[in-house]
Amino acid sequence: MKRTVARFGRAGALTALAMGMTGALLGAVPSAASATAAACGGQVGGGWLSGGNWISVALRSTSSCTMYARLTITDGTAACCFNYGWRVERQVNGTYGWQTTHTKNSSSYAFEGTKDTATVPNSTVDDDRFRACSNFGTSTWRCTPWILA
């Protein structure tokens, strides 16, 4: 980004960034995730990078096994001028199949650092699954694969 600013000025850099982000979002693909979650208290899996290597979203769990989504932006300059949204979703498998029972959303305007959603419960048996999702601006939601936890 710094080279782009030096070469094209701020307006040109923002145009280049917007074009790069559009291409990155259209091609952003969640990484493969395991069918079963890791132990409680850390990253569960299913994160991805988009817009280069400066934005990621991941599904995480607390030490008490509740689940949340974490959005990390490592370049505040690149994050400029966009509203970011991220969420964690929980589904429970019941008589009528998978039903969404909990969703926690968060949003923030251009920032640098790490932000989390509120947590959703986890029964710690194989009747529920989770995923983390993210979007920015008016883009569609991109979600990690469902993770059994």
C-alpha atoms as a PDB file:
ATOM      1  CA  MET A   1       0.000   0.000   0.000  1.00  0.00           C
ATOM      2  CA  LYS A   2       2.811   2.452   0.840  1.00  0.00           C
ATOM      3  CA  ARG A   3       4.359   1.967  -2.621  1.00  0.00           C
ATOM      4  CA  THR A   4       0.958   2.506  -4.226  1.00  0.00           C
ATOM      5  CA  VAL A   5       0.488   5.787  -2.326  1.00  0.00           C
ATOM      6  CA  ALA A   6       3.953   6.975  -3.368  1.00  0.00           C
ATOM      7  CA  ARG A   7       3.369   6.067  -7.014  1.00  0.00           C
ATOM      8  CA  PHE A   8      -0.245   7.180  -7.548  1.00  0.00           C
ATOM      9  CA  GLY A   9      -1.055   9.592  -4.701  1.00  0.00           C
ATOM     10  CA  ARG A  10      -3.865   9.050  -2.186  1.00  0.00           C
ATOM     11  CA  ALA A  11      -6.767   9.097  -4.678  1.00  0.00           C
ATOM     12  CA  GLY A  12      -5.011   6.661  -7.015  1.00  0.00           C
ATOM     13  CA  ALA A  13      -4.075   4.436  -4.089  1.00  0.00           C
ATOM     14  CA  LEU A  14      -7.702   4.256  -2.918  1.00  0.00           C
ATOM     15  CA  THR A  15      -8.832   3.393  -6.451  1.00  0.00           C
ATOM     16  CA  ALA A  16      -6.161   0.681  -6.695  1.00  0.00           C
ATOM     17  CA  LEU A  17      -7.174  -0.600  -3.257  1.00  0.00           C
ATOM     18  CA  ALA A  18     -10.870  -0.712  -4.170  1.00  0.00           C
ATOM     19  CA  MET A  19     -10.109  -2.607  -7.379  1.00  0.00           C
ATOM     20  CA  GLY A  20      -7.831  -5.033  -5.560  1.00  0.00           C
ATOM     21  CA  MET A  21     -10.361  -5.591  -2.783  1.00  0.00           C
ATOM     22  CA  THR A  22     -13.143  -6.251  -5.279  1.00  0.00           C
ATOM     23  CA  GLY A  23     -11.012  -8.900  -6.986  1.00  0.00           C
ATOM     24  CA  ALA A  24      -9.926 -10.329  -3.658  1.00  0.00           C
ATOM     25  CA  LEU A  25     -13.486 -10.603  -2.402  1.00  0.00           C
ATOM     26  CA  LEU A  26     -14.740 -12.253  -5.546  1.00  0.00           C
ATOM     27  CA  GLY A  27     -11.930 -14.773  -5.248  1.00  0.00           C
ATOM     28  CA  ALA A  28     -11.859 -15.074  -1.436  1.00  0.00           C
ATOM     29  CA  VAL A  29     -12.377 -18.684  -0.515  1.00  0.00           C
ATOM     30  CA  PRO A  30     -12.548 -20.000   3.027  1.00  0.00           C
ATOM     31  CA  SER A  31      -9.788 -22.395   3.920  1.00  0.00           C
ATOM     32  CA  ALA A  32     -10.626 -26.033   4.417  1.00  0.00           C
ATOM     33  CA  ALA A  33     -11.796 -26.783   7.933  1.00  0.00           C
ATOM     34  CA  SER A  34     -11.796 -29.937   9.937  1.00  0.00           C
ATOM     35  CA  ALA A  35     -15.108 -31.587  10.687  1.00  0.00           C
ATOM     36  CA  THR A  36     -14.486 -31.388  14.416  1.00  0.00           C
ATOM     37  CA  ALA A  37     -13.390 -28.379  16.415  1.00  0.00           C
ATOM     38  CA  ALA A  38     -10.199 -28.062  18.418  1.00  0.00           C
ATOM     39  CA  ALA A  39     -10.175 -27.976  22.199  1.00  0.00           C
ATOM     40  CA  CYS A  40     -11.868 -25.017  23.897  1.00  0.00           C
ATOM     41  CA  GLY A  41      -9.925 -21.815  24.356  1.00  0.00           C
ATOM     42  CA  GLY A  42      -8.493 -20.770  20.996  1.00  0.00           C
ATOM     43  CA  GLN A  43      -8.912 -20.722  17.246  1.00  0.00           C
ATOM     44  CA  VAL A  44     -11.294 -23.386  16.063  1.00  0.00           C
ATOM     45  CA  GLY A  45     -10.620 -23.043  12.357  1.00  0.00           C
ATOM     46  CA  GLY A  46     -12.147 -21.933   9.133  1.00  0.00           C
ATOM     47  CA  GLY A  47     -10.439 -18.552   8.811  1.00  0.00           C
ATOM     48  CA  TRP A  48      -9.502 -16.878   5.564  1.00  0.00           C
ATOM     49  CA  LEU A  49      -7.577 -13.941   4.220  1.00  0.00           C
ATOM     50  CA  SER A  50      -8.901 -11.446   1.739  1.00  0.00           C
ATOM     51  CA  GLY A  51      -7.590  -8.171   0.366  1.00  0.00           C
ATOM     52  CA  GLY A  52      -4.028  -9.473   0.450  1.00  0.00           C
ATOM     53  CA  ASN A  53      -2.737 -10.480   3.852  1.00  0.00           C
ATOM     54  CA  TRP A  54      -4.231  -7.720   5.992  1.00  0.00           C
ATOM     55  CA  ILE A  55      -7.757  -8.946   6.872  1.00  0.00           C
ATOM     56  CA  SER A  56      -8.931 -12.250   8.320  1.00  0.00           C
ATOM     57  CA  VAL A  57     -11.899 -13.696  10.145  1.00  0.00           C
ATOM     58  CA  ALA A  58     -11.821 -16.820  12.299  1.00  0.00           C
ATOM     59  CA  LEU A  59     -14.108 -18.871  14.477  1.00  0.00           C
ATOM     60  CA  ARG A  60     -12.799 -19.038  18.058  1.00  0.00           C
ATOM     61  CA  SER A  61     -13.853 -20.529  21.379  1.00  0.00           C
ATOM     62  CA  THR A  62     -13.459 -19.364  24.960  1.00  0.00           C
ATOM     63  CA  SER A  63     -12.055 -21.545  27.729  1.00  0.00           C
ATOM     64  CA  SER A  64     -15.669 -22.332  28.688  1.00  0.00           C
ATOM     65  CA  CYS A  65     -16.358 -23.473  25.087  1.00  0.00           C
ATOM     66  CA  THR A  66     -18.681 -20.644  24.016  1.00  0.00           C
ATOM     67  CA  MET A  67     -17.999 -19.541  20.440  1.00  0.00           C
ATOM     68  CA  TYR A  68     -17.320 -16.159  18.804  1.00  0.00           C
ATOM     69  CA  ALA A  69     -16.008 -14.635  15.580  1.00  0.00           C
ATOM     70  CA  ARG A  70     -12.775 -12.621  15.499  1.00  0.00           C
ATOM     71  CA  LEU A  71     -12.014 -10.063  12.787  1.00  0.00           C
ATOM     72  CA  THR A  72      -8.378  -8.978  12.466  1.00  0.00           C
ATOM     73  CA  ILE A  73      -7.198  -6.074  10.308  1.00  0.00           C
ATOM     74  CA  THR A  74      -3.444  -5.525  10.248  1.00  0.00           C
ATOM     75  CA  ASP A  75      -3.288  -2.483   7.963  1.00  0.00           C
ATOM     76  CA  GLY A  76      -5.488   0.441   8.998  1.00  0.00           C
ATOM     77  CA  THR A  77      -4.516   2.393   5.873  1.00  0.00           C
ATOM     78  CA  ALA A  78      -5.811  -0.382   3.638  1.00  0.00           C
ATOM     79  CA  ALA A  79      -8.959  -0.665   5.776  1.00  0.00           C
ATOM     80  CA  CYS A  80      -9.744   3.002   5.233  1.00  0.00           C
ATOM     81  CA  CYS A  81     -13.192   4.050   4.220  1.00  0.00           C
ATOM     82  CA  PHE A  82     -15.130   0.797   4.676  1.00  0.00           C
ATOM     83  CA  ASN A  83     -17.654  -0.372   7.235  1.00  0.00           C
ATOM     84  CA  TYR A  84     -16.830  -3.937   8.346  1.00  0.00           C
ATOM     85  CA  GLY A  85     -19.324  -6.464   9.660  1.00  0.00           C
ATOM     86  CA  TRP A  86     -18.650  -9.864  11.185  1.00  0.00           C
ATOM     87  CA  ARG A  87     -20.748 -12.448  12.975  1.00  0.00           C
ATOM     88  CA  VAL A  88     -20.830 -15.868  14.551  1.00  0.00           C
ATOM     89  CA  GLU A  89     -23.703 -18.260  13.832  1.00  0.00           C
ATOM     90  CA  ARG A  90     -24.854 -21.344  15.710  1.00  0.00           C
ATOM     91  CA  GLN A  91     -27.135 -24.045  14.313  1.00  0.00           C
ATOM     92  CA  VAL A  92     -28.624 -26.972  16.218  1.00  0.00           C
ATOM     93  CA  ASN A  93     -29.570 -30.255  14.540  1.00  0.00           C
ATOM     94  CA  GLY A  94     -33.051 -31.294  15.567  1.00  0.00           C
ATOM     95  CA  THR A  95     -36.168 -33.000  14.297  1.00  0.00           C
ATOM     96  CA  TYR A  96     -36.393 -30.667  11.286  1.00  0.00           C
ATOM     97  CA  GLY A  97     -32.697 -30.555  10.408  1.00  0.00           C
ATOM     98  CA  TRP A  98     -30.228 -27.726  11.062  1.00  0.00           C
ATOM     99  CA  GLN A  99     -31.883 -24.615  12.511  1.00  0.00           C
ATOM    100  CA  THR A 100     -30.137 -21.320  13.300  1.00  0.00           C
ATOM    101  CA  THR A 101     -30.591 -20.643  17.017  1.00  0.00           C
ATOM    102  CA  HIS A 102     -28.033 -17.914  17.759  1.00  0.00           C
ATOM    103  CA  THR A 103     -26.335 -15.148  15.788  1.00  0.00           C
ATOM    104  CA  LYS A 104     -24.127 -12.403  17.232  1.00  0.00           C
ATOM    105  CA  ASN A 105     -23.194  -9.510  14.933  1.00  0.00           C
ATOM    106  CA  SER A 106     -20.593  -6.774  15.264  1.00  0.00           C
ATOM    107  CA  SER A 107     -19.633  -3.900  13.002  1.00  0.00           C
ATOM    108  CA  SER A 108     -17.054  -1.155  12.908  1.00  0.00           C
ATOM    109  CA  TYR A 109     -15.868   1.534  10.555  1.00  0.00           C
ATOM    110  CA  ALA A 110     -12.250   1.279   9.324  1.00  0.00           C
ATOM    111  CA  PHE A 111      -9.957   0.153  12.141  1.00  0.00           C
ATOM    112  CA  GLU A 112      -6.706  -1.645  12.740  1.00  0.00           C
ATOM    113  CA  GLY A 113      -6.460  -4.461  15.244  1.00  0.00           C
ATOM    114  CA  THR A 114      -8.642  -7.299  16.470  1.00  0.00           C
ATOM    115  CA  LYS A 115     -12.324  -7.207  17.396  1.00  0.00           C
ATOM    116  CA  ASP A 116     -14.627  -9.986  18.556  1.00  0.00           C
ATOM    117  CA  THR A 117     -18.364 -10.624  18.529  1.00  0.00           C
ATOM    118  CA  ALA A 118     -20.259 -11.557  21.655  1.00  0.00           C
ATOM    119  CA  THR A 119     -20.351 -15.295  22.314  1.00  0.00           C
ATOM    120  CA  VAL A 120     -22.988 -17.894  21.489  1.00  0.00           C
ATOM    121  CA  PRO A 121     -23.549 -21.034  23.570  1.00  0.00           C
ATOM    122  CA  ASN A 122     -22.116 -24.438  22.727  1.00  0.00           C
ATOM    123  CA  SER A 123     -23.582 -27.713  23.941  1.00  0.00           C
ATOM    124  CA  THR A 124     -20.188 -29.465  23.354  1.00  0.00           C
ATOM    125  CA  VAL A 125     -21.940 -32.464  21.810  1.00  0.00           C
ATOM    126  CA  ASP A 126     -22.320 -33.115  18.090  1.00  0.00           C
ATOM    127  CA  ASP A 127     -25.783 -31.553  17.787  1.00  0.00           C
ATOM    128  CA  ASP A 128     -24.572 -28.031  17.021  1.00  0.00           C
ATOM    129  CA  ARG A 129     -22.275 -26.365  14.513  1.00  0.00           C
ATOM    130  CA  PHE A 130     -20.774 -22.910  14.060  1.00  0.00           C
ATOM    131  CA  ARG A 131     -19.295 -20.569  11.486  1.00  0.00           C
ATOM    132  CA  ALA A 132     -17.817 -17.080  11.299  1.00  0.00           C
ATOM    133  CA  CYS A 133     -18.791 -14.606   8.579  1.00  0.00           C
ATOM    134  CA  SER A 134     -17.530 -11.231   7.409  1.00  0.00           C
ATOM    135  CA  ASN A 135     -18.361  -8.487   4.922  1.00  0.00           C
ATOM    136  CA  PHE A 136     -17.417  -4.917   4.216  1.00  0.00           C
ATOM    137  CA  GLY A 137     -19.133  -2.053   2.507  1.00  0.00           C
ATOM    138  CA  THR A 138     -22.018  -3.487   0.535  1.00  0.00           C
ATOM    139  CA  SER A 139     -20.361  -6.826  -0.228  1.00  0.00           C
ATOM    140  CA  THR A 140     -22.097 -10.129   0.384  1.00  0.00           C
ATOM    141  CA  TRP A 141     -21.337 -12.134   3.519  1.00  0.00           C
ATOM    142  CA  ARG A 142     -18.424 -14.583   3.203  1.00  0.00           C
ATOM    143  CA  CYS A 143     -18.540 -17.415   5.712  1.00  0.00           C
ATOM    144  CA  THR A 144     -16.196 -20.105   6.908  1.00  0.00           C
ATOM    145  CA  PRO A 145     -17.281 -23.718   6.514  1.00  0.00           C
ATOM    146  CA  TRP A 146     -19.541 -25.052   9.262  1.00  0.00           C
ATOM    147  CA  ILE A 147     -17.550 -26.475  12.160  1.00  0.00           C
ATOM    148  CA  LEU A 148     -18.935 -29.144  14.486  1.00  0.00           C
ATOM    149  CA  ALA A 149     -18.035 -28.186  18.036  1.00  0.00           C
END
